[in-house]
Amino acid sequence: LWSVPAGVSTAVLFARFYELWCQKHLDPADALRDAQRWTRDATNDEKHARFPRLVAPGPDVAEDDLDVWAQARAHRAPYFWAPFVFVGA
């Protein structure tokens, strides 16, 4: 495997995992799988709505580009969500 990105994508993935596991009571393997899919598929706007302290447009995003930013899927690449696996019962 490769090194784990220590940034927004990891924080979002594990915040979503925690919601699914501890609050929605999915088993850990299912919670991780669903969190990975959500991290991969959710738009920046969806991530910002759920985790506003973690995901927000940066100062480099111009006012005219906010719609483009909102619809982008910043963590679509496997690099951001695939390094994590659940091992255990």
C-alpha atoms as a PDB file:
ATOM      1  CA  LEU A   1       0.000   0.000   0.000  1.00  0.00           C
ATOM      2  CA  TRP A   2       0.959   3.660  -0.067  1.00  0.00           C
ATOM      3  CA  SER A   3       1.261   6.301   2.606  1.00  0.00           C
ATOM      4  CA  VAL A   4      -1.988   7.624   3.989  1.00  0.00           C
ATOM      5  CA  PRO A   5      -2.863  11.192   3.050  1.00  0.00           C
ATOM      6  CA  ALA A   6      -3.106  13.170   6.284  1.00  0.00           C
ATOM      7  CA  GLY A   7      -5.512  15.844   5.243  1.00  0.00           C
ATOM      8  CA  VAL A   8      -9.096  16.754   4.574  1.00  0.00           C
ATOM      9  CA  SER A   9      -9.939  13.547   2.729  1.00  0.00           C
ATOM     10  CA  THR A  10      -8.831  11.360   5.642  1.00  0.00           C
ATOM     11  CA  ALA A  11     -10.696  13.524   8.143  1.00  0.00           C
ATOM     12  CA  VAL A  12     -13.863  13.390   6.029  1.00  0.00           C
ATOM     13  CA  LEU A  13     -13.576   9.640   5.512  1.00  0.00           C
ATOM     14  CA  PHE A  14     -13.215   8.899   9.202  1.00  0.00           C
ATOM     15  CA  ALA A  15     -15.821  11.425  10.310  1.00  0.00           C
ATOM     16  CA  ARG A  16     -18.280   9.716   7.962  1.00  0.00           C
ATOM     17  CA  PHE A  17     -17.108   6.270   9.129  1.00  0.00           C
ATOM     18  CA  TYR A  18     -17.735   7.278  12.733  1.00  0.00           C
ATOM     19  CA  GLU A  19     -21.249   8.502  11.887  1.00  0.00           C
ATOM     20  CA  LEU A  20     -22.116   5.272  10.134  1.00  0.00           C
ATOM     21  CA  TRP A  21     -20.543   2.995  12.729  1.00  0.00           C
ATOM     22  CA  CYS A  22     -21.393   4.676  16.011  1.00  0.00           C
ATOM     23  CA  GLN A  23     -24.512   6.636  15.183  1.00  0.00           C
ATOM     24  CA  LYS A  24     -26.144   4.511  12.459  1.00  0.00           C
ATOM     25  CA  HIS A  25     -24.910   1.255  14.043  1.00  0.00           C
ATOM     26  CA  LEU A  26     -23.520  -0.332  10.884  1.00  0.00           C
ATOM     27  CA  ASP A  27     -20.887  -2.965  11.465  1.00  0.00           C
ATOM     28  CA  PRO A  28     -17.368  -1.565  10.993  1.00  0.00           C
ATOM     29  CA  ALA A  29     -16.667  -3.188   7.617  1.00  0.00           C
ATOM     30  CA  ASP A  30     -19.933  -1.898   6.135  1.00  0.00           C
ATOM     31  CA  ALA A  31     -19.425   1.518   7.702  1.00  0.00           C
ATOM     32  CA  LEU A  32     -15.947   1.802   6.193  1.00  0.00           C
ATOM     33  CA  ARG A  33     -17.134   0.662   2.764  1.00  0.00           C
ATOM     34  CA  ASP A  34     -20.020   3.139   2.792  1.00  0.00           C
ATOM     35  CA  ALA A  35     -17.771   5.932   4.073  1.00  0.00           C
ATOM     36  CA  GLN A  36     -15.290   5.237   1.277  1.00  0.00           C
ATOM     37  CA  ARG A  37     -18.037   5.347  -1.331  1.00  0.00           C
ATOM     38  CA  TRP A  38     -19.426   8.547   0.121  1.00  0.00           C
ATOM     39  CA  THR A  39     -15.981  10.179   0.240  1.00  0.00           C
ATOM     40  CA  ARG A  40     -15.456   9.166  -3.387  1.00  0.00           C
ATOM     41  CA  ASP A  41     -18.881  10.176  -4.710  1.00  0.00           C
ATOM     42  CA  ALA A  42     -20.016  13.182  -2.663  1.00  0.00           C
ATOM     43  CA  THR A  43     -19.602  16.640  -4.108  1.00  0.00           C
ATOM     44  CA  ASN A  44     -17.683  19.326  -2.264  1.00  0.00           C
ATOM     45  CA  ASP A  45     -21.035  20.935  -1.497  1.00  0.00           C
ATOM     46  CA  GLU A  46     -22.364  17.727   0.090  1.00  0.00           C
ATOM     47  CA  LYS A  47     -19.193  17.354   2.143  1.00  0.00           C
ATOM     48  CA  HIS A  48     -19.346  20.993   3.208  1.00  0.00           C
ATOM     49  CA  ALA A  49     -22.995  20.599   4.256  1.00  0.00           C
ATOM     50  CA  ARG A  50     -22.159  17.605   6.467  1.00  0.00           C
ATOM     51  CA  PHE A  51     -18.736  18.719   7.732  1.00  0.00           C
ATOM     52  CA  PRO A  52     -18.477  22.512   7.361  1.00  0.00           C
ATOM     53  CA  ARG A  53     -15.393  22.762   9.572  1.00  0.00           C
ATOM     54  CA  LEU A  54     -13.527  20.236   7.431  1.00  0.00           C
ATOM     55  CA  VAL A  55     -14.564  21.146   3.892  1.00  0.00           C
ATOM     56  CA  ALA A  56     -14.922  24.707   2.659  1.00  0.00           C
ATOM     57  CA  PRO A  57     -13.781  26.614  -0.396  1.00  0.00           C
ATOM     58  CA  GLY A  58     -10.310  28.002   0.117  1.00  0.00           C
ATOM     59  CA  PRO A  59      -9.308  31.613  -0.328  1.00  0.00           C
ATOM     60  CA  ASP A  60      -8.001  30.742  -3.790  1.00  0.00           C
ATOM     61  CA  VAL A  61     -11.536  29.934  -5.043  1.00  0.00           C
ATOM     62  CA  ALA A  62     -12.908  33.025  -6.748  1.00  0.00           C
ATOM     63  CA  GLU A  63     -16.507  34.055  -6.116  1.00  0.00           C
ATOM     64  CA  ASP A  64     -17.328  33.259  -9.753  1.00  0.00           C
ATOM     65  CA  ASP A  65     -15.959  29.725  -9.326  1.00  0.00           C
ATOM     66  CA  LEU A  66     -17.951  28.722  -6.237  1.00  0.00           C
ATOM     67  CA  ASP A  67     -20.503  26.754  -8.280  1.00  0.00           C
ATOM     68  CA  VAL A  68     -17.726  24.816  -9.984  1.00  0.00           C
ATOM     69  CA  TRP A  69     -16.102  24.133  -6.609  1.00  0.00           C
ATOM     70  CA  ALA A  70     -19.425  23.040  -5.093  1.00  0.00           C
ATOM     71  CA  GLN A  71     -20.096  20.462  -7.814  1.00  0.00           C
ATOM     72  CA  ALA A  72     -16.560  19.060  -7.932  1.00  0.00           C
ATOM     73  CA  ARG A  73     -15.736  15.689  -6.402  1.00  0.00           C
ATOM     74  CA  ALA A  74     -12.363  16.507  -4.901  1.00  0.00           C
ATOM     75  CA  HIS A  75     -11.679  13.050  -3.452  1.00  0.00           C
ATOM     76  CA  ARG A  76     -12.754  10.834  -6.328  1.00  0.00           C
ATOM     77  CA  ALA A  77      -9.316   9.292  -6.907  1.00  0.00           C
ATOM     78  CA  PRO A  78      -8.555   6.057  -5.016  1.00  0.00           C
ATOM     79  CA  TYR A  79      -5.532   7.775  -3.466  1.00  0.00           C
ATOM     80  CA  PHE A  80      -7.901   9.502  -1.034  1.00  0.00           C
ATOM     81  CA  TRP A  81     -10.068   6.603   0.141  1.00  0.00           C
ATOM     82  CA  ALA A  82      -8.619   3.235  -0.934  1.00  0.00           C
ATOM     83  CA  PRO A  83      -5.667   2.884   1.495  1.00  0.00           C
ATOM     84  CA  PHE A  84      -8.005   1.955   4.338  1.00  0.00           C
ATOM     85  CA  VAL A  85      -9.187  -1.578   5.057  1.00  0.00           C
ATOM     86  CA  PHE A  86     -11.017  -3.128   7.961  1.00  0.00           C
ATOM     87  CA  VAL A  87      -9.488  -6.246   9.467  1.00  0.00           C
ATOM     88  CA  GLY A  88     -11.273  -8.026  12.269  1.00  0.00           C
ATOM     89  CA  ALA A  89     -14.507  -9.557  13.367  1.00  0.00           C
END
